Amino acid sequence: GYSHPMAMRRDGTVRCWGDNSYGQAPPEGVPRKFVAIAAGWHHSIAIAQDGGAVCWGANDNGQAPPEGVAGAFVSVAAGECHSLALREDGSVACWGSNQFGQAPPAGVPGPFALPSSRF
């Protein structure tokens, strides 16, 4: 992220450090197991083992809804004020700011390449 790194441990838990002004990097980590993570400007996103997106940190543009985002996701990316997640079917879900067309609310049809392995 902009001022908060995070890493996924081998057991799937997440460790965060750095700036936590918006709750984007809780020092105690996030007590769930994940398969993918991404750090945005002031928000963080992770894909849970059930495929849903879990979000925390700043949400002023809808980039990190606290209720998460349901779906069958396999990968995730986070920008300054937007988030993207790759679905199992190869399409991309987008949420958050779309000021420059970076996160179209309808998503982006695929198919895009899926990761070669999951944790």
Foldseek 3Di string as FASTA:
>chain_A
DQFKDKDADPQQWIAIDGDCPFPAHPRVGDPAGFFEKEGEQFKIWTQHPQQWIAIGGDCPFPAGPRVTGDANFQYKYYYHFKIWTQHPQQWIAIGGDCPPPPHPRVGGGDNDDGDPDTD
